[in-house]
Amino acid sequence: MAQLKVKTLGGDKKSIDAKDGTIMMEALRDAGLIDATCGGAASCGTCHVYFADSSLAGEHTEDEGYMLESLADFVEVKDGSRLCCQVKVTEDLDGAELDIAPEA
Protein backbone atom coordinates (compact mmCIF):
# COMPACT_ATOMS: atom_id res chain seq x y z
CA MET A 1 0.00 0.00 0.00
CA ALA A 2 1.26 3.46 -0.85
CA GLN A 3 0.12 6.63 0.83
CA LEU A 4 -0.04 9.50 -1.65
CA LYS A 5 0.08 13.09 -0.44
CA VAL A 6 -2.09 15.09 -2.82
CA LYS A 7 -2.52 18.85 -3.08
CA THR A 8 -5.82 19.83 -4.67
CA LEU A 9 -6.38 22.76 -7.01
CA GLY A 10 -7.87 24.63 -4.05
CA GLY A 11 -4.68 24.11 -2.03
CA ASP A 12 -6.07 21.48 0.35
CA LYS A 13 -3.77 18.58 1.23
CA LYS A 14 -5.15 15.05 1.32
CA SER A 15 -3.55 11.70 2.09
CA ILE A 16 -4.84 8.89 -0.11
CA ASP A 17 -4.13 5.19 0.35
CA ALA A 18 -3.61 3.28 -2.90
CA LYS A 19 -3.14 -0.46 -3.20
CA ASP A 20 0.02 -1.74 -4.87
CA GLY A 21 -0.65 -2.83 -8.45
CA THR A 22 -3.63 -0.55 -8.98
CA ILE A 23 -3.70 2.42 -11.31
CA MET A 24 -3.15 5.72 -9.50
CA MET A 25 -6.07 7.31 -11.33
CA GLU A 26 -8.49 4.95 -9.60
CA ALA A 27 -7.40 6.02 -6.11
CA LEU A 28 -7.56 9.73 -6.95
CA ARG A 29 -10.89 9.39 -8.77
CA ASP A 30 -12.43 7.33 -5.96
CA ALA A 31 -11.31 10.03 -3.49
CA GLY A 32 -13.13 12.63 -5.62
CA LEU A 33 -9.93 14.50 -6.53
CA ILE A 34 -10.00 14.06 -10.32
CA ASP A 35 -12.61 13.40 -12.99
CA ALA A 36 -10.73 10.85 -15.13
CA THR A 37 -13.20 11.44 -17.95
CA CYS A 38 -11.74 8.95 -20.45
CA GLY A 39 -11.46 6.18 -17.86
CA GLY A 40 -7.76 5.57 -18.32
CA ALA A 41 -7.19 5.74 -22.07
CA ALA A 42 -4.70 8.66 -21.86
CA SER A 43 -6.94 10.63 -24.17
CA CYS A 44 -8.40 13.47 -22.07
CA GLY A 45 -5.83 14.87 -19.62
CA THR A 46 -8.29 15.19 -16.71
CA CYS A 47 -5.99 13.04 -14.55
CA HIS A 48 -2.89 15.19 -15.12
CA VAL A 49 -0.77 15.46 -11.97
CA TYR A 50 2.59 16.94 -11.06
CA PHE A 51 4.99 14.77 -9.06
CA ALA A 52 6.95 16.97 -6.65
CA ASP A 53 9.89 14.58 -7.08
CA SER A 54 10.10 14.04 -10.84
CA SER A 55 12.34 10.98 -10.31
CA LEU A 56 9.26 9.16 -8.96
CA ALA A 57 7.16 10.05 -12.01
CA GLY A 58 8.61 7.36 -14.25
CA GLU A 59 8.58 7.31 -18.02
CA HIS A 60 5.66 8.45 -20.16
CA THR A 61 3.91 6.00 -22.42
CA GLU A 62 3.84 7.04 -26.09
CA ASP A 63 0.13 7.97 -26.00
CA GLU A 64 0.63 9.84 -22.75
CA GLY A 65 3.48 11.84 -24.28
CA TYR A 66 1.23 12.91 -27.15
CA MET A 67 -1.54 13.96 -24.75
CA LEU A 68 0.87 15.94 -22.56
CA GLU A 69 2.20 17.70 -25.68
CA SER A 70 -1.34 18.74 -26.61
CA LEU A 71 -2.06 19.91 -23.04
CA ALA A 72 1.02 22.16 -23.11
CA ASP A 73 -0.92 24.67 -25.22
CA PHE A 74 -3.35 25.19 -22.32
CA VAL A 75 -1.65 24.28 -19.00
CA GLU A 76 1.87 24.02 -17.70
CA VAL A 77 3.53 20.66 -18.34
CA LYS A 78 6.46 20.03 -15.99
CA ASP A 79 9.24 17.47 -15.68
CA GLY A 80 7.10 15.65 -13.10
CA SER A 81 3.91 15.75 -15.21
CA ARG A 82 2.09 12.45 -15.64
CA LEU A 83 -1.35 11.28 -16.55
CA CYS A 84 -2.01 9.22 -13.46
CA CYS A 85 -4.10 6.79 -15.51
CA GLN A 86 -0.76 5.55 -16.82
CA VAL A 87 0.93 5.15 -13.42
CA LYS A 88 0.85 1.83 -11.61
CA VAL A 89 1.04 2.16 -7.83
CA THR A 90 4.03 0.48 -6.22
CA GLU A 91 5.54 0.66 -2.75
CA ASP A 92 8.17 3.01 -4.25
CA LEU A 93 5.42 5.65 -4.45
CA ASP A 94 4.68 5.54 -0.72
CA GLY A 95 4.85 9.14 0.50
CA ALA A 96 4.90 10.61 -3.02
CA GLU A 97 3.72 14.21 -3.16
CA LEU A 98 1.45 15.15 -6.05
CA ASP A 99 -0.32 18.31 -7.15
CA ILE A 100 -3.49 18.05 -9.20
CA ALA A 101 -2.84 19.97 -12.42
CA PRO A 102 -5.43 22.45 -13.73
CA GLU A 103 -7.67 21.08 -16.46
CA ALA A 104 -7.18 22.41 -19.96
C-alpha atoms as a PDB file:
ATOM      1  CA  MET A   1       0.000   0.000   0.000  1.00  0.00           C
ATOM      2  CA  ALA A   2       1.257   3.464  -0.853  1.00  0.00           C
ATOM      3  CA  GLN A   3       0.121   6.635   0.834  1.00  0.00           C
ATOM      4  CA  LEU A   4      -0.039   9.497  -1.649  1.00  0.00           C
ATOM      5  CA  LYS A   5       0.076  13.095  -0.443  1.00  0.00           C
ATOM      6  CA  VAL A   6      -2.089  15.087  -2.824  1.00  0.00           C
ATOM      7  CA  LYS A   7      -2.520  18.847  -3.084  1.00  0.00           C
ATOM      8  CA  THR A   8      -5.821  19.828  -4.674  1.00  0.00           C
ATOM      9  CA  LEU A   9      -6.383  22.762  -7.005  1.00  0.00           C
ATOM     10  CA  GLY A  10      -7.865  24.628  -4.047  1.00  0.00           C
ATOM     11  CA  GLY A  11      -4.680  24.109  -2.028  1.00  0.00           C
ATOM     12  CA  ASP A  12      -6.067  21.483   0.348  1.00  0.00           C
ATOM     13  CA  LYS A  13      -3.766  18.582   1.227  1.00  0.00           C
ATOM     14  CA  LYS A  14      -5.155  15.051   1.321  1.00  0.00           C
ATOM     15  CA  SER A  15      -3.555  11.700   2.092  1.00  0.00           C
ATOM     16  CA  ILE A  16      -4.845   8.895  -0.111  1.00  0.00           C
ATOM     17  CA  ASP A  17      -4.131   5.187   0.351  1.00  0.00           C
ATOM     18  CA  ALA A  18      -3.608   3.285  -2.902  1.00  0.00           C
ATOM     19  CA  LYS A  19      -3.140  -0.461  -3.197  1.00  0.00           C
ATOM     20  CA  ASP A  20       0.017  -1.735  -4.869  1.00  0.00           C
ATOM     21  CA  GLY A  21      -0.647  -2.828  -8.446  1.00  0.00           C
ATOM     22  CA  THR A  22      -3.634  -0.548  -8.983  1.00  0.00           C
ATOM     23  CA  ILE A  23      -3.700   2.419 -11.309  1.00  0.00           C
ATOM     24  CA  MET A  24      -3.146   5.718  -9.503  1.00  0.00           C
ATOM     25  CA  MET A  25      -6.074   7.313 -11.327  1.00  0.00           C
ATOM     26  CA  GLU A  26      -8.487   4.947  -9.601  1.00  0.00           C
ATOM     27  CA  ALA A  27      -7.402   6.020  -6.108  1.00  0.00           C
ATOM     28  CA  LEU A  28      -7.558   9.731  -6.951  1.00  0.00           C
ATOM     29  CA  ARG A  29     -10.886   9.386  -8.770  1.00  0.00           C
ATOM     30  CA  ASP A  30     -12.431   7.329  -5.959  1.00  0.00           C
ATOM     31  CA  ALA A  31     -11.309  10.027  -3.491  1.00  0.00           C
ATOM     32  CA  GLY A  32     -13.127  12.634  -5.616  1.00  0.00           C
ATOM     33  CA  LEU A  33      -9.931  14.498  -6.525  1.00  0.00           C
ATOM     34  CA  ILE A  34     -10.002  14.062 -10.322  1.00  0.00           C
ATOM     35  CA  ASP A  35     -12.612  13.400 -12.994  1.00  0.00           C
ATOM     36  CA  ALA A  36     -10.728  10.852 -15.130  1.00  0.00           C
ATOM     37  CA  THR A  37     -13.198  11.441 -17.945  1.00  0.00           C
ATOM     38  CA  CYS A  38     -11.739   8.950 -20.451  1.00  0.00           C
ATOM     39  CA  GLY A  39     -11.460   6.184 -17.859  1.00  0.00           C
ATOM     40  CA  GLY A  40      -7.756   5.566 -18.320  1.00  0.00           C
ATOM     41  CA  ALA A  41      -7.195   5.741 -22.069  1.00  0.00           C
ATOM     42  CA  ALA A  42      -4.704   8.659 -21.857  1.00  0.00           C
ATOM     43  CA  SER A  43      -6.943  10.634 -24.168  1.00  0.00           C
ATOM     44  CA  CYS A  44      -8.396  13.469 -22.066  1.00  0.00           C
ATOM     45  CA  GLY A  45      -5.828  14.869 -19.623  1.00  0.00           C
ATOM     46  CA  THR A  46      -8.285  15.192 -16.712  1.00  0.00           C
ATOM     47  CA  CYS A  47      -5.990  13.036 -14.552  1.00  0.00           C
ATOM     48  CA  HIS A  48      -2.887  15.188 -15.122  1.00  0.00           C
ATOM     49  CA  VAL A  49      -0.773  15.459 -11.967  1.00  0.00           C
ATOM     50  CA  TYR A  50       2.588  16.940 -11.064  1.00  0.00           C
ATOM     51  CA  PHE A  51       4.987  14.768  -9.064  1.00  0.00           C
ATOM     52  CA  ALA A  52       6.948  16.973  -6.648  1.00  0.00           C
ATOM     53  CA  ASP A  53       9.888  14.576  -7.079  1.00  0.00           C
ATOM     54  CA  SER A  54      10.100  14.040 -10.838  1.00  0.00           C
ATOM     55  CA  SER A  55      12.337  10.985 -10.312  1.00  0.00           C
ATOM     56  CA  LEU A  56       9.260   9.163  -8.965  1.00  0.00           C
ATOM     57  CA  ALA A  57       7.158  10.053 -12.006  1.00  0.00           C
ATOM     58  CA  GLY A  58       8.612   7.363 -14.250  1.00  0.00           C
ATOM     59  CA  GLU A  59       8.582   7.305 -18.023  1.00  0.00           C
ATOM     60  CA  HIS A  60       5.662   8.454 -20.156  1.00  0.00           C
ATOM     61  CA  THR A  61       3.910   5.997 -22.424  1.00  0.00           C
ATOM     62  CA  GLU A  62       3.836   7.037 -26.086  1.00  0.00           C
ATOM     63  CA  ASP A  63       0.130   7.966 -25.999  1.00  0.00           C
ATOM     64  CA  GLU A  64       0.631   9.843 -22.750  1.00  0.00           C
ATOM     65  CA  GLY A  65       3.476  11.837 -24.277  1.00  0.00           C
ATOM     66  CA  TYR A  66       1.232  12.913 -27.147  1.00  0.00           C
ATOM     67  CA  MET A  67      -1.537  13.957 -24.749  1.00  0.00           C
ATOM     68  CA  LEU A  68       0.866  15.940 -22.558  1.00  0.00           C
ATOM     69  CA  GLU A  69       2.199  17.697 -25.683  1.00  0.00           C
ATOM     70  CA  SER A  70      -1.339  18.744 -26.611  1.00  0.00           C
ATOM     71  CA  LEU A  71      -2.059  19.913 -23.040  1.00  0.00           C
ATOM     72  CA  ALA A  72       1.022  22.159 -23.107  1.00  0.00           C
ATOM     73  CA  ASP A  73      -0.920  24.671 -25.223  1.00  0.00           C
ATOM     74  CA  PHE A  74      -3.348  25.189 -22.320  1.00  0.00           C
ATOM     75  CA  VAL A  75      -1.653  24.285 -19.005  1.00  0.00           C
ATOM     76  CA  GLU A  76       1.874  24.023 -17.699  1.00  0.00           C
ATOM     77  CA  VAL A  77       3.532  20.664 -18.339  1.00  0.00           C
ATOM     78  CA  LYS A  78       6.458  20.034 -15.995  1.00  0.00           C
ATOM     79  CA  ASP A  79       9.242  17.467 -15.685  1.00  0.00           C
ATOM     80  CA  GLY A  80       7.098  15.654 -13.100  1.00  0.00           C
ATOM     81  CA  SER A  81       3.908  15.746 -15.209  1.00  0.00           C
ATOM     82  CA  ARG A  82       2.088  12.445 -15.638  1.00  0.00           C
ATOM     83  CA  LEU A  83      -1.345  11.276 -16.553  1.00  0.00           C
ATOM     84  CA  CYS A  84      -2.008   9.216 -13.458  1.00  0.00           C
ATOM     85  CA  CYS A  85      -4.104   6.787 -15.510  1.00  0.00           C
ATOM     86  CA  GLN A  86      -0.764   5.545 -16.823  1.00  0.00           C
ATOM     87  CA  VAL A  87       0.932   5.152 -13.419  1.00  0.00           C
ATOM     88  CA  LYS A  88       0.850   1.826 -11.608  1.00  0.00           C
ATOM     89  CA  VAL A  89       1.037   2.163  -7.829  1.00  0.00           C
ATOM     90  CA  THR A  90       4.028   0.480  -6.216  1.00  0.00           C
ATOM     91  CA  GLU A  91       5.541   0.663  -2.748  1.00  0.00           C
ATOM     92  CA  ASP A  92       8.167   3.006  -4.248  1.00  0.00           C
ATOM     93  CA  LEU A  93       5.424   5.653  -4.454  1.00  0.00           C
ATOM     94  CA  ASP A  94       4.679   5.544  -0.720  1.00  0.00           C
ATOM     95  CA  GLY A  95       4.850   9.139   0.501  1.00  0.00           C
ATOM     96  CA  ALA A  96       4.898  10.607  -3.016  1.00  0.00           C
ATOM     97  CA  GLU A  97       3.724  14.205  -3.159  1.00  0.00           C
ATOM     98  CA  LEU A  98       1.448  15.151  -6.055  1.00  0.00           C
ATOM     99  CA  ASP A  99      -0.320  18.311  -7.146  1.00  0.00           C
ATOM    100  CA  ILE A 100      -3.491  18.045  -9.203  1.00  0.00           C
ATOM    101  CA  ALA A 101      -2.843  19.965 -12.419  1.00  0.00           C
ATOM    102  CA  PRO A 102      -5.427  22.453 -13.730  1.00  0.00           C
ATOM    103  CA  GLU A 103      -7.668  21.084 -16.461  1.00  0.00           C
ATOM    104  CA  ALA A 104      -7.176  22.412 -19.956  1.00  0.00           C
END
